[in-house]
């Protein structure tokens, strides 16, 4: 049992779009579909409160357990373990969003949280933390939970992001990236992959070399935000 919690995993490397990747993607897709099908029933005050609490608890439990695991396995470090990756920060913000139901926070989460979480689960940077390692389950539970939380706010609470909110989010993400850049220089870290590309296969492999891929990342971010906005724009029309 300890082998599945070992910080230095000796499991095989995670394979992109293998069965161990497609299976959690399929589960997340099914849960999103069920959320869409039962959206009207979930609008009842008691039911939406229960689902909000459940999603928030699931996200809190997954991220707290990961931090506790890192500490227990003596693997926690300032260089790698702070929740500074946008998809990791989104887990914490999703919990706040579910409890406060803040529309401004939702707009940020819809673009930055949903966008970064979708990218994370499509191109996971898991290394040797493949199935059935604890980190494998934690990764897909936390990031899939963010996707469900954002969709829940749209379908059940009828929240709708705006074009202005999208550009505000882009501004905030750029300011945040600048802060993280200096933190990376100070810590010798690589949060947000600003300093170098990840070792695993990712979208960054097709965006040029450093520092040019940073500009490409900006363009991809804006494009992905527009893609996320399109379904709701079409609905408004």
Protein backbone atom coordinates (compact mmCIF):
# COMPACT_ATOMS: atom_id res chain seq x y z
CA UNK A 1 0.00 0.00 0.00
CA UNK A 2 2.84 2.36 0.81
CA UNK A 3 4.06 2.06 -2.79
CA UNK A 4 0.99 3.95 -3.98
CA UNK A 5 1.79 6.88 -1.67
CA UNK A 6 5.55 6.92 -2.19
CA UNK A 7 6.90 10.33 -3.12
CA UNK A 8 9.54 8.77 -5.39
CA UNK A 9 7.17 6.62 -7.40
CA UNK A 10 8.54 3.60 -9.24
CA UNK A 11 5.39 3.23 -11.35
CA UNK A 12 5.49 3.65 -15.12
CA UNK A 13 5.38 7.16 -16.55
CA UNK A 14 1.93 8.59 -17.19
CA UNK A 15 1.00 8.16 -20.86
CA UNK A 16 -0.99 10.87 -22.58
CA UNK A 17 -4.35 9.68 -23.99
CA UNK A 18 -3.83 6.16 -22.74
CA UNK A 19 -6.62 4.22 -20.96
CA UNK A 20 -5.50 5.68 -17.60
CA UNK A 21 -5.94 9.15 -19.11
CA UNK A 22 -9.11 8.64 -21.15
CA UNK A 23 -10.96 6.94 -18.27
CA UNK A 24 -10.95 9.96 -15.89
CA UNK A 25 -11.66 12.25 -18.85
CA UNK A 26 -14.70 10.11 -19.62
CA UNK A 27 -15.88 10.20 -16.00
CA UNK A 28 -15.57 14.00 -15.86
CA UNK A 29 -17.49 14.28 -19.14
CA UNK A 30 -20.27 12.00 -17.84
CA UNK A 31 -20.55 14.04 -14.61
CA UNK A 32 -20.77 17.27 -16.62
CA UNK A 33 -23.48 15.71 -18.79
CA UNK A 34 -25.46 14.60 -15.72
CA UNK A 35 -25.13 18.09 -14.28
CA UNK A 36 -26.61 19.46 -17.49
CA UNK A 37 -29.46 16.91 -17.57
CA UNK A 38 -30.49 17.47 -13.95
CA UNK A 39 -29.80 21.23 -13.87
CA UNK A 40 -33.45 22.17 -13.27
CA UNK A 41 -33.86 19.77 -10.34
CA UNK A 42 -30.65 21.07 -8.79
CA UNK A 43 -32.01 24.62 -8.79
CA UNK A 44 -34.04 23.78 -5.70
CA UNK A 45 -32.51 25.69 -2.80
CA UNK A 46 -31.81 22.65 -0.61
CA UNK A 47 -30.33 20.60 -3.46
CA UNK A 48 -28.08 23.34 -4.82
CA UNK A 49 -26.84 24.03 -1.28
CA UNK A 50 -26.02 20.35 -0.84
CA UNK A 51 -24.18 20.13 -4.16
CA UNK A 52 -22.27 23.36 -3.44
CA UNK A 53 -21.16 21.99 -0.08
CA UNK A 54 -20.24 18.62 -1.56
CA UNK A 55 -18.11 20.13 -4.35
CA UNK A 56 -16.41 22.55 -1.95
CA UNK A 57 -15.68 19.74 0.52
CA UNK A 58 -14.34 17.50 -2.27
CA UNK A 59 -11.99 20.25 -3.49
CA UNK A 60 -10.85 21.14 0.03
CA UNK A 61 -10.28 17.51 0.97
CA UNK A 62 -8.27 16.74 -2.17
CA UNK A 63 -5.94 19.74 -1.92
CA UNK A 64 -5.52 19.44 1.88
CA UNK A 65 -4.76 15.74 1.57
CA UNK A 66 -2.13 16.45 -1.08
CA UNK A 67 -0.37 18.99 1.14
CA UNK A 68 -0.53 16.59 4.10
CA UNK A 69 0.85 13.78 1.91
CA UNK A 70 3.78 15.92 0.78
CA UNK A 71 4.59 16.84 4.38
CA UNK A 72 4.30 13.23 5.57
CA UNK A 73 6.54 11.97 2.76
CA UNK A 74 9.05 14.81 3.33
CA UNK A 75 8.42 16.00 -0.22
CA UNK A 76 7.06 19.47 0.49
CA UNK A 77 9.22 22.34 -0.79
CA UNK A 78 8.83 26.00 -1.60
CA UNK A 79 10.06 25.33 -5.13
CA UNK A 80 7.35 22.82 -6.06
CA UNK A 81 4.55 22.60 -3.50
CA UNK A 82 3.01 26.07 -3.23
CA UNK A 83 -0.42 26.29 -4.94
CA UNK A 84 0.84 28.89 -7.41
CA UNK A 85 0.09 27.09 -10.65
CA UNK A 86 -3.07 28.67 -12.02
CA UNK A 87 -4.91 25.33 -12.01
CA UNK A 88 -3.87 24.69 -8.38
CA UNK A 89 -4.84 28.19 -7.27
CA UNK A 90 -8.18 27.68 -9.02
CA UNK A 91 -8.98 24.79 -6.67
CA UNK A 92 -8.79 27.15 -3.69
CA UNK A 93 -10.70 29.91 -5.48
CA UNK A 94 -13.40 27.44 -6.54
CA UNK A 95 -14.05 26.64 -2.87
CA UNK A 96 -14.43 30.36 -2.11
CA UNK A 97 -16.69 30.80 -5.16
CA UNK A 98 -19.00 27.96 -4.10
CA UNK A 99 -19.45 29.40 -0.62
CA UNK A 100 -19.64 33.11 -1.46
CA UNK A 101 -21.34 32.81 -4.88
CA UNK A 102 -19.41 35.90 -5.92
CA UNK A 103 -20.20 36.83 -9.52
CA UNK A 104 -16.89 38.64 -9.97
CA UNK A 105 -14.94 35.64 -8.72
CA UNK A 106 -17.06 33.42 -10.98
CA UNK A 107 -16.06 35.43 -14.05
CA UNK A 108 -12.39 35.00 -13.20
CA UNK A 109 -12.93 31.30 -12.49
CA UNK A 110 -14.92 30.70 -15.66
CA UNK A 111 -12.05 31.89 -17.83
CA UNK A 112 -8.86 31.36 -15.83
CA UNK A 113 -10.03 28.50 -13.59
CA UNK A 114 -11.96 26.51 -16.17
CA UNK A 115 -9.41 27.20 -18.91
CA UNK A 116 -6.37 26.18 -16.84
CA UNK A 117 -8.12 23.11 -15.39
CA UNK A 118 -9.21 21.88 -18.80
CA UNK A 119 -5.67 22.32 -20.11
CA UNK A 120 -4.30 20.51 -17.06
CA UNK A 121 -6.53 17.44 -17.44
CA UNK A 122 -5.96 17.30 -21.21
CA UNK A 123 -2.16 17.43 -20.85
CA UNK A 124 -1.35 16.28 -17.28
CA UNK A 125 2.18 16.79 -15.95
CA UNK A 126 2.14 13.69 -13.73
CA UNK A 127 5.48 12.05 -14.49
CA UNK A 128 5.57 8.67 -12.71
CA UNK A 129 2.47 9.40 -10.66
CA UNK A 130 0.39 7.17 -12.91
CA UNK A 131 -2.51 4.88 -12.00
CA UNK A 132 -3.05 3.85 -9.21
CA UNK A 133 -0.84 6.37 -7.36
CA UNK A 134 -2.52 8.71 -4.88
CA UNK A 135 -1.37 11.80 -6.81
CA UNK A 136 -3.06 10.45 -9.94
CA UNK A 137 -6.45 10.39 -8.20
CA UNK A 138 -5.89 13.72 -6.43
CA UNK A 139 -4.99 15.42 -9.70
CA UNK A 140 -8.11 14.43 -11.59
CA UNK A 141 -10.45 14.89 -8.61
CA UNK A 142 -9.23 18.42 -7.90
CA UNK A 143 -9.06 19.67 -11.49
CA UNK A 144 -12.21 17.86 -12.54
CA UNK A 145 -13.90 19.35 -9.48
CA UNK A 146 -13.05 22.87 -10.67
CA UNK A 147 -14.63 22.12 -14.06
CA UNK A 148 -17.79 20.84 -12.36
CA UNK A 149 -17.89 23.83 -9.97
CA UNK A 150 -17.75 26.35 -12.84
CA UNK A 151 -20.35 24.47 -14.86
CA UNK A 152 -22.53 24.21 -11.75
CA UNK A 153 -22.54 28.00 -11.35
CA UNK A 154 -23.59 28.43 -14.99
CA UNK A 155 -26.30 25.76 -15.11
CA UNK A 156 -27.79 26.01 -11.61
CA UNK A 157 -27.20 29.62 -10.56
CA UNK A 158 -27.52 30.98 -14.13
CA UNK A 159 -24.27 32.94 -13.85
CA UNK A 160 -23.00 34.17 -17.18
CA UNK A 161 -19.53 35.60 -17.89
CA UNK A 162 -19.16 38.81 -19.85
CA UNK A 163 -16.70 40.01 -22.46
CA UNK A 164 -15.57 42.73 -20.06
CA UNK A 165 -15.00 40.07 -17.40
CA UNK A 166 -12.85 38.15 -19.86
CA UNK A 167 -10.52 41.10 -20.43
CA UNK A 168 -10.38 41.83 -16.70
CA UNK A 169 -9.34 38.20 -16.19
CA UNK A 170 -6.62 38.50 -18.82
CA UNK A 171 -5.29 41.60 -17.05
CA UNK A 172 -5.32 39.87 -13.64
CA UNK A 173 -3.60 36.75 -15.02
CA UNK A 174 -0.83 38.89 -16.53
CA UNK A 175 -0.30 40.80 -13.28
CA UNK A 176 -0.28 37.50 -11.38
CA UNK A 177 2.23 36.03 -13.84
CA UNK A 178 4.54 39.00 -13.30
CA UNK A 179 4.44 38.46 -9.53
CA UNK A 180 5.07 34.72 -9.93
CA UNK A 181 8.02 35.46 -12.24
CA UNK A 182 9.82 37.33 -9.47
CA UNK A 183 8.87 34.61 -6.97
CA UNK A 184 10.38 32.06 -9.34
CA UNK A 185 13.61 34.08 -9.55
CA UNK A 186 13.74 34.29 -5.76
CA UNK A 187 12.92 30.65 -5.09
CA UNK A 188 14.64 29.11 -8.10
CA UNK A 189 11.26 27.64 -9.06
CA UNK A 190 9.24 27.27 -12.25
CA UNK A 191 5.64 28.01 -11.29
CA UNK A 192 3.36 28.68 -14.29
CA UNK A 193 6.24 27.27 -16.41
CA UNK A 194 7.46 30.81 -16.90
CA UNK A 195 11.14 29.94 -16.58
CA UNK A 196 11.19 26.77 -18.73
CA UNK A 197 8.92 24.19 -20.29
CA UNK A 198 7.70 21.13 -18.34
CA UNK A 199 9.49 17.86 -19.03
CA UNK A 200 6.28 16.07 -20.01
CA UNK A 201 4.46 16.52 -23.32
CA UNK A 202 2.44 19.74 -23.32
CA UNK A 203 1.07 22.46 -25.55
CA UNK A 204 4.22 24.48 -24.85
CA UNK A 205 6.22 22.05 -27.00
CA UNK A 206 4.59 23.65 -30.05
CA UNK A 207 4.91 27.28 -28.99
CA UNK A 208 8.60 27.94 -29.61
CA UNK A 209 11.57 28.39 -27.30
CA UNK A 210 11.93 30.54 -24.19
CA UNK A 211 11.14 33.41 -23.93
CA UNK A 212 9.12 33.47 -27.15
CA UNK A 213 6.71 30.79 -26.00
CA UNK A 214 5.56 33.20 -23.27
CA UNK A 215 4.13 35.46 -25.97
CA UNK A 216 2.59 32.43 -27.68
CA UNK A 217 1.05 31.41 -24.34
CA UNK A 218 -0.57 34.84 -24.13
CA UNK A 219 -2.13 34.42 -27.57
CA UNK A 220 -3.32 30.88 -26.75
CA UNK A 221 -4.83 32.13 -23.49
CA UNK A 222 -6.82 34.87 -25.22
CA UNK A 223 -7.98 32.44 -27.92
CA UNK A 224 -9.03 29.82 -25.35
CA UNK A 225 -10.94 32.45 -23.35
CA UNK A 226 -12.81 33.47 -26.50
CA UNK A 227 -13.64 29.81 -27.18
CA UNK A 228 -15.00 29.45 -23.63
CA UNK A 229 -17.06 32.60 -24.09
CA UNK A 230 -18.52 31.60 -27.48
CA UNK A 231 -21.23 29.13 -26.28
CA UNK A 232 -22.66 31.71 -23.88
CA UNK A 233 -22.41 34.46 -26.50
CA UNK A 234 -24.35 32.28 -28.93
CA UNK A 235 -26.95 31.56 -26.23
CA UNK A 236 -27.38 35.31 -25.60
CA UNK A 237 -27.92 35.92 -29.32
